Amino acid sequence: MDTTTSSGRFMFQILASVSEFERN
């Protein structure tokens, strides 16, 4: 969980996608 790195930003994108999937 480090948005100052590319891997960290990618992790948050995955988290956001999972959250959106759950809402749907």
mmCIF file of all heavy atoms, coordinates in Angstrom:
data_MODEL
# 
_entry.id   MODEL 
# 
loop_
_atom_site.group_PDB 
_atom_site.id 
_atom_site.type_symbol 
_atom_site.label_atom_id 
_atom_site.label_alt_id 
_atom_site.label_comp_id 
_atom_site.label_asym_id 
_atom_site.label_entity_id 
_atom_site.label_seq_id 
_atom_site.pdbx_PDB_ins_code 
_atom_site.Cartn_x 
_atom_site.Cartn_y 
_atom_site.Cartn_z 
_atom_site.occupancy 
_atom_site.B_iso_or_equiv 
_atom_site.pdbx_formal_charge 
_atom_site.auth_seq_id 
_atom_site.auth_comp_id 
_atom_site.auth_asym_id 
_atom_site.auth_atom_id 
_atom_site.pdbx_PDB_model_num 
ATOM 1   N N   . MET A 1 1  ? 0.839   -1.201  0.000   1.00 0.00 ? 1  MET A N   1 
ATOM 2   C CA  . MET A 1 1  ? 0.000   0.000   0.000   1.00 0.00 ? 1  MET A CA  1 
ATOM 3   C C   . MET A 1 1  ? 0.873   1.250   0.000   1.00 0.00 ? 1  MET A C   1 
ATOM 4   O O   . MET A 1 1  ? 1.062   1.912   1.014   1.00 0.00 ? 1  MET A O   1 
ATOM 5   C CB  . MET A 1 1  ? -0.930  -0.005  1.226   1.00 0.00 ? 1  MET A CB  1 
ATOM 6   C CG  . MET A 1 1  ? -1.887  -1.178  1.264   1.00 0.00 ? 1  MET A CG  1 
ATOM 7   S SD  . MET A 1 1  ? -3.004  -1.174  -0.162  1.00 0.00 ? 1  MET A SD  1 
ATOM 8   C CE  . MET A 1 1  ? -4.015  -2.611  0.196   1.00 0.00 ? 1  MET A CE  1 
ATOM 9   N N   . ASP A 1 2  ? 1.426   1.540   -1.146  1.00 0.00 ? 2  ASP A N   1 
ATOM 10  C CA  . ASP A 1 2  ? 2.330   2.677   -1.296  1.00 0.00 ? 2  ASP A CA  1 
ATOM 11  C C   . ASP A 1 2  ? 2.072   3.303   -2.660  1.00 0.00 ? 2  ASP A C   1 
ATOM 12  O O   . ASP A 1 2  ? 2.548   2.817   -3.685  1.00 0.00 ? 2  ASP A O   1 
ATOM 13  C CB  . ASP A 1 2  ? 3.785   2.195   -1.186  1.00 0.00 ? 2  ASP A CB  1 
ATOM 14  C CG  . ASP A 1 2  ? 4.791   3.328   -1.287  1.00 0.00 ? 2  ASP A CG  1 
ATOM 15  O OD1 . ASP A 1 2  ? 4.399   4.441   -1.679  1.00 0.00 ? 2  ASP A OD1 1 
ATOM 16  O OD2 . ASP A 1 2  ? 5.979   3.097   -1.000  1.00 0.00 ? 2  ASP A OD2 1 
ATOM 17  N N   . THR A 1 3  ? 1.272   4.384   -2.681  1.00 0.00 ? 3  THR A N   1 
ATOM 18  C CA  . THR A 1 3  ? 0.906   4.992   -3.955  1.00 0.00 ? 3  THR A CA  1 
ATOM 19  C C   . THR A 1 3  ? 2.036   5.812   -4.570  1.00 0.00 ? 3  THR A C   1 
ATOM 20  O O   . THR A 1 3  ? 1.858   6.386   -5.639  1.00 0.00 ? 3  THR A O   1 
ATOM 21  C CB  . THR A 1 3  ? -0.329  5.904   -3.797  1.00 0.00 ? 3  THR A CB  1 
ATOM 22  O OG1 . THR A 1 3  ? -0.008  6.994   -2.927  1.00 0.00 ? 3  THR A OG1 1 
ATOM 23  C CG2 . THR A 1 3  ? -1.509  5.129   -3.243  1.00 0.00 ? 3  THR A CG2 1 
ATOM 24  N N   . THR A 1 4  ? 3.179   5.843   -3.898  1.00 0.00 ? 4  THR A N   1 
ATOM 25  C CA  . THR A 1 4  ? 4.319   6.555   -4.483  1.00 0.00 ? 4  THR A CA  1 
ATOM 26  C C   . THR A 1 4  ? 5.113   5.628   -5.406  1.00 0.00 ? 4  THR A C   1 
ATOM 27  O O   . THR A 1 4  ? 6.082   6.053   -6.017  1.00 0.00 ? 4  THR A O   1 
ATOM 28  C CB  . THR A 1 4  ? 5.255   7.090   -3.377  1.00 0.00 ? 4  THR A CB  1 
ATOM 29  O OG1 . THR A 1 4  ? 5.833   5.985   -2.679  1.00 0.00 ? 4  THR A OG1 1 
ATOM 30  C CG2 . THR A 1 4  ? 4.492   7.979   -2.411  1.00 0.00 ? 4  THR A CG2 1 
ATOM 31  N N   . THR A 1 5  ? 4.711   4.358   -5.485  1.00 0.00 ? 5  THR A N   1 
ATOM 32  C CA  . THR A 1 5  ? 5.364   3.391   -6.380  1.00 0.00 ? 5  THR A CA  1 
ATOM 33  C C   . THR A 1 5  ? 4.344   2.889   -7.399  1.00 0.00 ? 5  THR A C   1 
ATOM 34  O O   . THR A 1 5  ? 3.133   2.895   -7.149  1.00 0.00 ? 5  THR A O   1 
ATOM 35  C CB  . THR A 1 5  ? 5.919   2.188   -5.601  1.00 0.00 ? 5  THR A CB  1 
ATOM 36  O OG1 . THR A 1 5  ? 4.824   1.427   -5.056  1.00 0.00 ? 5  THR A OG1 1 
ATOM 37  C CG2 . THR A 1 5  ? 6.833   2.639   -4.474  1.00 0.00 ? 5  THR A CG2 1 
ATOM 38  N N   . SER A 1 6  ? 4.829   2.427   -8.539  1.00 0.00 ? 6  SER A N   1 
ATOM 39  C CA  . SER A 1 6  ? 3.935   1.913   -9.577  1.00 0.00 ? 6  SER A CA  1 
ATOM 40  C C   . SER A 1 6  ? 3.199   0.665   -9.113  1.00 0.00 ? 6  SER A C   1 
ATOM 41  O O   . SER A 1 6  ? 2.006   0.488   -9.392  1.00 0.00 ? 6  SER A O   1 
ATOM 42  C CB  . SER A 1 6  ? 4.728   1.614   -10.857 1.00 0.00 ? 6  SER A CB  1 
ATOM 43  O OG  . SER A 1 6  ? 5.771   0.694   -10.584 1.00 0.00 ? 6  SER A OG  1 
ATOM 44  N N   . SER A 1 7  ? 3.879   -0.207  -8.364  1.00 0.00 ? 7  SER A N   1 
ATOM 45  C CA  . SER A 1 7  ? 3.239   -1.430  -7.873  1.00 0.00 ? 7  SER A CA  1 
ATOM 46  C C   . SER A 1 7  ? 2.159   -1.104  -6.842  1.00 0.00 ? 7  SER A C   1 
ATOM 47  O O   . SER A 1 7  ? 1.111   -1.755  -6.792  1.00 0.00 ? 7  SER A O   1 
ATOM 48  C CB  . SER A 1 7  ? 4.281   -2.377  -7.268  1.00 0.00 ? 7  SER A CB  1 
ATOM 49  O OG  . SER A 1 7  ? 4.946   -1.758  -6.174  1.00 0.00 ? 7  SER A OG  1 
ATOM 50  N N   . GLY A 1 8  ? 2.411   -0.086  -6.024  1.00 0.00 ? 8  GLY A N   1 
ATOM 51  C CA  . GLY A 1 8  ? 1.428   0.329   -5.028  1.00 0.00 ? 8  GLY A CA  1 
ATOM 52  C C   . GLY A 1 8  ? 0.184   0.918   -5.678  1.00 0.00 ? 8  GLY A C   1 
ATOM 53  O O   . GLY A 1 8  ? -0.936  0.644   -5.255  1.00 0.00 ? 8  GLY A O   1 
ATOM 54  N N   . ARG A 1 9  ? 0.394   1.735   -6.714  1.00 0.00 ? 9  ARG A N   1 
ATOM 55  C CA  . ARG A 1 9  ? -0.742  2.308   -7.439  1.00 0.00 ? 9  ARG A CA  1 
ATOM 56  C C   . ARG A 1 9  ? -1.553  1.212   -8.115  1.00 0.00 ? 9  ARG A C   1 
ATOM 57  O O   . ARG A 1 9  ? -2.788  1.257   -8.139  1.00 0.00 ? 9  ARG A O   1 
ATOM 58  C CB  . ARG A 1 9  ? -0.255  3.329   -8.472  1.00 0.00 ? 9  ARG A CB  1 
ATOM 59  C CG  . ARG A 1 9  ? 0.247   4.638   -7.853  1.00 0.00 ? 9  ARG A CG  1 
ATOM 60  C CD  . ARG A 1 9  ? 0.490   5.694   -8.900  1.00 0.00 ? 9  ARG A CD  1 
ATOM 61  N NE  . ARG A 1 9  ? 1.607   5.360   -9.765  1.00 0.00 ? 9  ARG A NE  1 
ATOM 62  C CZ  . ARG A 1 9  ? 2.871   5.682   -9.504  1.00 0.00 ? 9  ARG A CZ  1 
ATOM 63  N NH1 . ARG A 1 9  ? 3.167   6.333   -8.391  1.00 0.00 ? 9  ARG A NH1 1 
ATOM 64  N NH2 . ARG A 1 9  ? 3.835   5.356   -10.342 1.00 0.00 ? 9  ARG A NH2 1 
ATOM 65  N N   . PHE A 1 10 ? -0.859  0.201   -8.619  1.00 0.00 ? 10 PHE A N   1 
ATOM 66  C CA  . PHE A 1 10 ? -1.532  -0.931  -9.253  1.00 0.00 ? 10 PHE A CA  1 
ATOM 67  C C   . PHE A 1 10 ? -2.379  -1.693  -8.243  1.00 0.00 ? 10 PHE A C   1 
ATOM 68  O O   . PHE A 1 10 ? -3.495  -2.124  -8.539  1.00 0.00 ? 10 PHE A O   1 
ATOM 69  C CB  . PHE A 1 10 ? -0.496  -1.860  -9.891  1.00 0.00 ? 10 PHE A CB  1 
ATOM 70  C CG  . PHE A 1 10 ? -1.086  -3.076  -10.554 1.00 0.00 ? 10 PHE A CG  1 
ATOM 71  C CD1 . PHE A 1 10 ? -1.902  -2.951  -11.661 1.00 0.00 ? 10 PHE A CD1 1 
ATOM 72  C CD2 . PHE A 1 10 ? -0.826  -4.346  -10.064 1.00 0.00 ? 10 PHE A CD2 1 
ATOM 73  C CE1 . PHE A 1 10 ? -2.455  -4.069  -12.275 1.00 0.00 ? 10 PHE A CE1 1 
ATOM 74  C CE2 . PHE A 1 10 ? -1.365  -5.472  -10.666 1.00 0.00 ? 10 PHE A CE2 1 
ATOM 75  C CZ  . PHE A 1 10 ? -2.185  -5.337  -11.782 1.00 0.00 ? 10 PHE A CZ  1 
ATOM 76  N N   . MET A 1 11 ? -1.854  -1.851  -7.029  1.00 0.00 ? 11 MET A N   1 
ATOM 77  C CA  . MET A 1 11 ? -2.581  -2.551  -5.976  1.00 0.00 ? 11 MET A CA  1 
ATOM 78  C C   . MET A 1 11 ? -3.887  -1.834  -5.646  1.00 0.00 ? 11 MET A C   1 
ATOM 79  O O   . MET A 1 11 ? -4.926  -2.463  -5.468  1.00 0.00 ? 11 MET A O   1 
ATOM 80  C CB  . MET A 1 11 ? -1.717  -2.657  -4.716  1.00 0.00 ? 11 MET A CB  1 
ATOM 81  C CG  . MET A 1 11 ? -2.392  -3.385  -3.555  1.00 0.00 ? 11 MET A CG  1 
ATOM 82  S SD  . MET A 1 11 ? -2.850  -5.085  -3.940  1.00 0.00 ? 11 MET A SD  1 
ATOM 83  C CE  . MET A 1 11 ? -1.203  -5.816  -4.136  1.00 0.00 ? 11 MET A CE  1 
ATOM 84  N N   . PHE A 1 12 ? -3.839  -0.501  -5.593  1.00 0.00 ? 12 PHE A N   1 
ATOM 85  C CA  . PHE A 1 12 ? -5.055  0.256   -5.295  1.00 0.00 ? 12 PHE A CA  1 
ATOM 86  C C   . PHE A 1 12 ? -6.047  0.176   -6.457  1.00 0.00 ? 12 PHE A C   1 
ATOM 87  O O   . PHE A 1 12 ? -7.255  0.206   -6.247  1.00 0.00 ? 12 PHE A O   1 
ATOM 88  C CB  . PHE A 1 12 ? -4.716  1.714   -4.987  1.00 0.00 ? 12 PHE A CB  1 
ATOM 89  C CG  . PHE A 1 12 ? -4.432  1.949   -3.529  1.00 0.00 ? 12 PHE A CG  1 
ATOM 90  C CD1 . PHE A 1 12 ? -3.136  2.112   -3.080  1.00 0.00 ? 12 PHE A CD1 1 
ATOM 91  C CD2 . PHE A 1 12 ? -5.464  1.980   -2.606  1.00 0.00 ? 12 PHE A CD2 1 
ATOM 92  C CE1 . PHE A 1 12 ? -2.870  2.313   -1.736  1.00 0.00 ? 12 PHE A CE1 1 
ATOM 93  C CE2 . PHE A 1 12 ? -5.204  2.191   -1.248  1.00 0.00 ? 12 PHE A CE2 1 
ATOM 94  C CZ  . PHE A 1 12 ? -3.910  2.350   -0.818  1.00 0.00 ? 12 PHE A CZ  1 
ATOM 95  N N   . GLN A 1 13 ? -5.546  0.060   -7.680  1.00 0.00 ? 13 GLN A N   1 
ATOM 96  C CA  . GLN A 1 13 ? -6.439  -0.102  -8.829  1.00 0.00 ? 13 GLN A CA  1 
ATOM 97  C C   . GLN A 1 13 ? -7.183  -1.431  -8.743  1.00 0.00 ? 13 GLN A C   1 
ATOM 98  O O   . GLN A 1 13 ? -8.379  -1.508  -9.048  1.00 0.00 ? 13 GLN A O   1 
ATOM 99  C CB  . GLN A 1 13 ? -5.632  -0.031  -10.129 1.00 0.00 ? 13 GLN A CB  1 
ATOM 100 C CG  . GLN A 1 13 ? -5.140  1.366   -10.455 1.00 0.00 ? 13 GLN A CG  1 
ATOM 101 C CD  . GLN A 1 13 ? -4.222  1.389   -11.662 1.00 0.00 ? 13 GLN A CD  1 
ATOM 102 O OE1 . GLN A 1 13 ? -3.894  0.344   -12.233 1.00 0.00 ? 13 GLN A OE1 1 
ATOM 103 N NE2 . GLN A 1 13 ? -3.804  2.566   -12.065 1.00 0.00 ? 13 GLN A NE2 1 
ATOM 104 N N   . ILE A 1 14 ? -6.472  -2.472  -8.301  1.00 0.00 ? 14 ILE A N   1 
ATOM 105 C CA  . ILE A 1 14 ? -7.099  -3.781  -8.116  1.00 0.00 ? 14 ILE A CA  1 
ATOM 106 C C   . ILE A 1 14 ? -8.159  -3.701  -7.027  1.00 0.00 ? 14 ILE A C   1 
ATOM 107 O O   . ILE A 1 14 ? -9.274  -4.209  -7.176  1.00 0.00 ? 14 ILE A O   1 
ATOM 108 C CB  . ILE A 1 14 ? -6.049  -4.854  -7.749  1.00 0.00 ? 14 ILE A CB  1 
ATOM 109 C CG1 . ILE A 1 14 ? -5.102  -5.094  -8.930  1.00 0.00 ? 14 ILE A CG1 1 
ATOM 110 C CG2 . ILE A 1 14 ? -6.721  -6.160  -7.329  1.00 0.00 ? 14 ILE A CG2 1 
ATOM 111 C CD1 . ILE A 1 14 ? -3.963  -6.040  -8.618  1.00 0.00 ? 14 ILE A CD1 1 
ATOM 112 N N   . LEU A 1 15 ? -7.820  -3.031  -5.926  1.00 0.00 ? 15 LEU A N   1 
ATOM 113 C CA  . LEU A 1 15 ? -8.746  -2.872  -4.810  1.00 0.00 ? 15 LEU A CA  1 
ATOM 114 C C   . LEU A 1 15 ? -10.001 -2.125  -5.248  1.00 0.00 ? 15 LEU A C   1 
ATOM 115 O O   . LEU A 1 15 ? -11.120 -2.496  -4.882  1.00 0.00 ? 15 LEU A O   1 
ATOM 116 C CB  . LEU A 1 15 ? -8.059  -2.110  -3.674  1.00 0.00 ? 15 LEU A CB  1 
ATOM 117 C CG  . LEU A 1 15 ? -8.793  -2.024  -2.332  1.00 0.00 ? 15 LEU A CG  1 
ATOM 118 C CD1 . LEU A 1 15 ? -8.997  -3.409  -1.739  1.00 0.00 ? 15 LEU A CD1 1 
ATOM 119 C CD2 . LEU A 1 15 ? -8.003  -1.159  -1.357  1.00 0.00 ? 15 LEU A CD2 1 
ATOM 120 N N   . ALA A 1 16 ? -9.814  -1.088  -6.062  1.00 0.00 ? 16 ALA A N   1 
ATOM 121 C CA  . ALA A 1 16 ? -10.943 -0.308  -6.555  1.00 0.00 ? 16 ALA A CA  1 
ATOM 122 C C   . ALA A 1 16 ? -11.827 -1.156  -7.472  1.00 0.00 ? 16 ALA A C   1 
ATOM 123 O O   . ALA A 1 16 ? -13.058 -1.069  -7.421  1.00 0.00 ? 16 ALA A O   1 
ATOM 124 C CB  . ALA A 1 16 ? -10.442 0.926   -7.301  1.00 0.00 ? 16 ALA A CB  1 
ATOM 125 N N   . SER A 1 17 ? -11.198 -1.983  -8.291  1.00 0.00 ? 17 SER A N   1 
ATOM 126 C CA  . SER A 1 17 ? -11.946 -2.848  -9.212  1.00 0.00 ? 17 SER A CA  1 
ATOM 127 C C   . SER A 1 17 ? -12.770 -3.875  -8.452  1.00 0.00 ? 17 SER A C   1 
ATOM 128 O O   . SER A 1 17 ? -13.922 -4.136  -8.788  1.00 0.00 ? 17 SER A O   1 
ATOM 129 C CB  . SER A 1 17 ? -10.984 -3.562  -10.171 1.00 0.00 ? 17 SER A CB  1 
ATOM 130 O OG  . SER A 1 17 ? -10.307 -2.640  -10.991 1.00 0.00 ? 17 SER A OG  1 
ATOM 131 N N   . VAL A 1 18 ? -12.162 -4.463  -7.417  1.00 0.00 ? 18 VAL A N   1 
ATOM 132 C CA  . VAL A 1 18 ? -12.872 -5.450  -6.596  1.00 0.00 ? 18 VAL A CA  1 
ATOM 133 C C   . VAL A 1 18 ? -14.055 -4.788  -5.893  1.00 0.00 ? 18 VAL A C   1 
ATOM 134 O O   . VAL A 1 18 ? -15.153 -5.356  -5.822  1.00 0.00 ? 18 VAL A O   1 
ATOM 135 C CB  . VAL A 1 18 ? -11.920 -6.085  -5.556  1.00 0.00 ? 18 VAL A CB  1 
ATOM 136 C CG1 . VAL A 1 18 ? -12.713 -6.937  -4.561  1.00 0.00 ? 18 VAL A CG1 1 
ATOM 137 C CG2 . VAL A 1 18 ? -10.865 -6.939  -6.244  1.00 0.00 ? 18 VAL A CG2 1 
ATOM 138 N N   . SER A 1 19 ? -13.848 -3.577  -5.385  1.00 0.00 ? 19 SER A N   1 
ATOM 139 C CA  . SER A 1 19 ? -14.907 -2.852  -4.696  1.00 0.00 ? 19 SER A CA  1 
ATOM 140 C C   . SER A 1 19 ? -16.057 -2.533  -5.649  1.00 0.00 ? 19 SER A C   1 
ATOM 141 O O   . SER A 1 19 ? -17.232 -2.674  -5.291  1.00 0.00 ? 19 SER A O   1 
ATOM 142 C CB  . SER A 1 19 ? -14.349 -1.562  -4.092  1.00 0.00 ? 19 SER A CB  1 
ATOM 143 O OG  . SER A 1 19 ? -15.360 -0.847  -3.424  1.00 0.00 ? 19 SER A OG  1 
ATOM 144 N N   . GLU A 1 20 ? -15.729 -2.120  -6.867  1.00 0.00 ? 20 GLU A N   1 
ATOM 145 C CA  . GLU A 1 20 ? -16.756 -1.814  -7.868  1.00 0.00 ? 20 GLU A CA  1 
ATOM 146 C C   . GLU A 1 20 ? -17.531 -3.075  -8.242  1.00 0.00 ? 20 GLU A C   1 
ATOM 147 O O   . GLU A 1 20 ? -18.753 -3.058  -8.387  1.00 0.00 ? 20 GLU A O   1 
ATOM 148 C CB  . GLU A 1 20 ? -16.117 -1.204  -9.113  1.00 0.00 ? 20 GLU A CB  1 
ATOM 149 C CG  . GLU A 1 20 ? -17.138 -0.816  -10.183 1.00 0.00 ? 20 GLU A CG  1 
ATOM 150 C CD  . GLU A 1 20 ? -16.485 -0.215  -11.411 1.00 0.00 ? 20 GLU A CD  1 
ATOM 151 O OE1 . GLU A 1 20 ? -15.240 -0.207  -11.483 1.00 0.00 ? 20 GLU A OE1 1 
ATOM 152 O OE2 . GLU A 1 20 ? -17.233 0.231   -12.302 1.00 0.00 ? 20 GLU A OE2 1 
ATOM 153 N N   . PHE A 1 21 ? -16.807 -4.194  -8.382  1.00 0.00 ? 21 PHE A N   1 
ATOM 154 C CA  . PHE A 1 21 ? -17.428 -5.477  -8.692  1.00 0.00 ? 21 PHE A CA  1 
ATOM 155 C C   . PHE A 1 21 ? -18.427 -5.866  -7.600  1.00 0.00 ? 21 PHE A C   1 
ATOM 156 O O   . PHE A 1 21 ? -19.539 -6.312  -7.883  1.00 0.00 ? 21 PHE A O   1 
ATOM 157 C CB  . PHE A 1 21 ? -16.344 -6.545  -8.831  1.00 0.00 ? 21 PHE A CB  1 
ATOM 158 C CG  . PHE A 1 21 ? -16.869 -7.925  -9.087  1.00 0.00 ? 21 PHE A CG  1 
ATOM 159 C CD1 . PHE A 1 21 ? -17.504 -8.243  -10.283 1.00 0.00 ? 21 PHE A CD1 1 
ATOM 160 C CD2 . PHE A 1 21 ? -16.722 -8.926  -8.138  1.00 0.00 ? 21 PHE A CD2 1 
ATOM 161 C CE1 . PHE A 1 21 ? -17.995 -9.519  -10.523 1.00 0.00 ? 21 PHE A CE1 1 
ATOM 162 C CE2 . PHE A 1 21 ? -17.209 -10.201 -8.367  1.00 0.00 ? 21 PHE A CE2 1 
ATOM 163 C CZ  . PHE A 1 21 ? -17.845 -10.504 -9.564  1.00 0.00 ? 21 PHE A CZ  1 
ATOM 164 N N   . GLU A 1 22 ? -18.023 -5.661  -6.341  1.00 0.00 ? 22 GLU A N   1 
ATOM 165 C CA  . GLU A 1 22 ? -18.886 -5.985  -5.212  1.00 0.00 ? 22 GLU A CA  1 
ATOM 166 C C   . GLU A 1 22 ? -20.140 -5.115  -5.223  1.00 0.00 ? 22 GLU A C   1 
ATOM 167 O O   . GLU A 1 22 ? -21.247 -5.597  -4.978  1.00 0.00 ? 22 GLU A O   1 
ATOM 168 C CB  . GLU A 1 22 ? -18.121 -5.793  -3.900  1.00 0.00 ? 22 GLU A CB  1 
ATOM 169 C CG  . GLU A 1 22 ? -18.911 -6.187  -2.671  1.00 0.00 ? 22 GLU A CG  1 
ATOM 170 C CD  . GLU A 1 22 ? -18.123 -5.996  -1.383  1.00 0.00 ? 22 GLU A CD  1 
ATOM 171 O OE1 . GLU A 1 22 ? -17.268 -5.085  -1.349  1.00 0.00 ? 22 GLU A OE1 1 
ATOM 172 O OE2 . GLU A 1 22 ? -18.355 -6.740  -0.436  1.00 0.00 ? 22 GLU A OE2 1 
ATOM 173 N N   . ARG A 1 23 ? -19.981 -3.825  -5.518  1.00 0.00 ? 23 ARG A N   1 
ATOM 174 C CA  . ARG A 1 23 ? -21.130 -2.915  -5.572  1.00 0.00 ? 23 ARG A CA  1 
ATOM 175 C C   . ARG A 1 23 ? -22.099 -3.329  -6.667  1.00 0.00 ? 23 ARG A C   1 
ATOM 176 O O   . ARG A 1 23 ? -23.323 -3.277  -6.493  1.00 0.00 ? 23 ARG A O   1 
ATOM 177 C CB  . ARG A 1 23 ? -20.664 -1.470  -5.811  1.00 0.00 ? 23 ARG A CB  1 
ATOM 178 C CG  . ARG A 1 23 ? -20.014 -0.806  -4.607  1.00 0.00 ? 23 ARG A CG  1 
ATOM 179 C CD  . ARG A 1 23 ? -19.927 0.697   -4.785  1.00 0.00 ? 23 ARG A CD  1 
ATOM 180 N NE  . ARG A 1 23 ? -19.181 1.074   -5.962  1.00 0.00 ? 23 ARG A NE  1 
ATOM 181 C CZ  . ARG A 1 23 ? -17.860 1.246   -5.989  1.00 0.00 ? 23 ARG A CZ  1 
ATOM 182 N NH1 . ARG A 1 23 ? -17.154 1.075   -4.889  1.00 0.00 ? 23 ARG A NH1 1 
ATOM 183 N NH2 . ARG A 1 23 ? -17.244 1.598   -7.107  1.00 0.00 ? 23 ARG A NH2 1 
ATOM 184 N N   . ASN A 1 24 ? -21.548 -3.761  -7.823  1.00 0.00 ? 24 ASN A N   1 
ATOM 185 C CA  . ASN A 1 24 ? -22.400 -4.188  -8.932  1.00 0.00 ? 24 ASN A CA  1 
ATOM 186 C C   . ASN A 1 24 ? -23.203 -5.436  -8.578  1.00 0.00 ? 24 ASN A C   1 
ATOM 187 O O   . ASN A 1 24 ? -24.377 -5.558  -8.948  1.00 0.00 ? 24 ASN A O   1 
ATOM 188 C CB  . ASN A 1 24 ? -21.550 -4.461  -10.181 1.00 0.00 ? 24 ASN A CB  1 
ATOM 189 C CG  . ASN A 1 24 ? -21.004 -3.188  -10.792 1.00 0.00 ? 24 ASN A CG  1 
ATOM 190 O OD1 . ASN A 1 24 ? -21.548 -2.109  -10.577 1.00 0.00 ? 24 ASN A OD1 1 
ATOM 191 N ND2 . ASN A 1 24 ? -19.925 -3.287  -11.542 1.00 0.00 ? 24 ASN A ND2 1 
# 
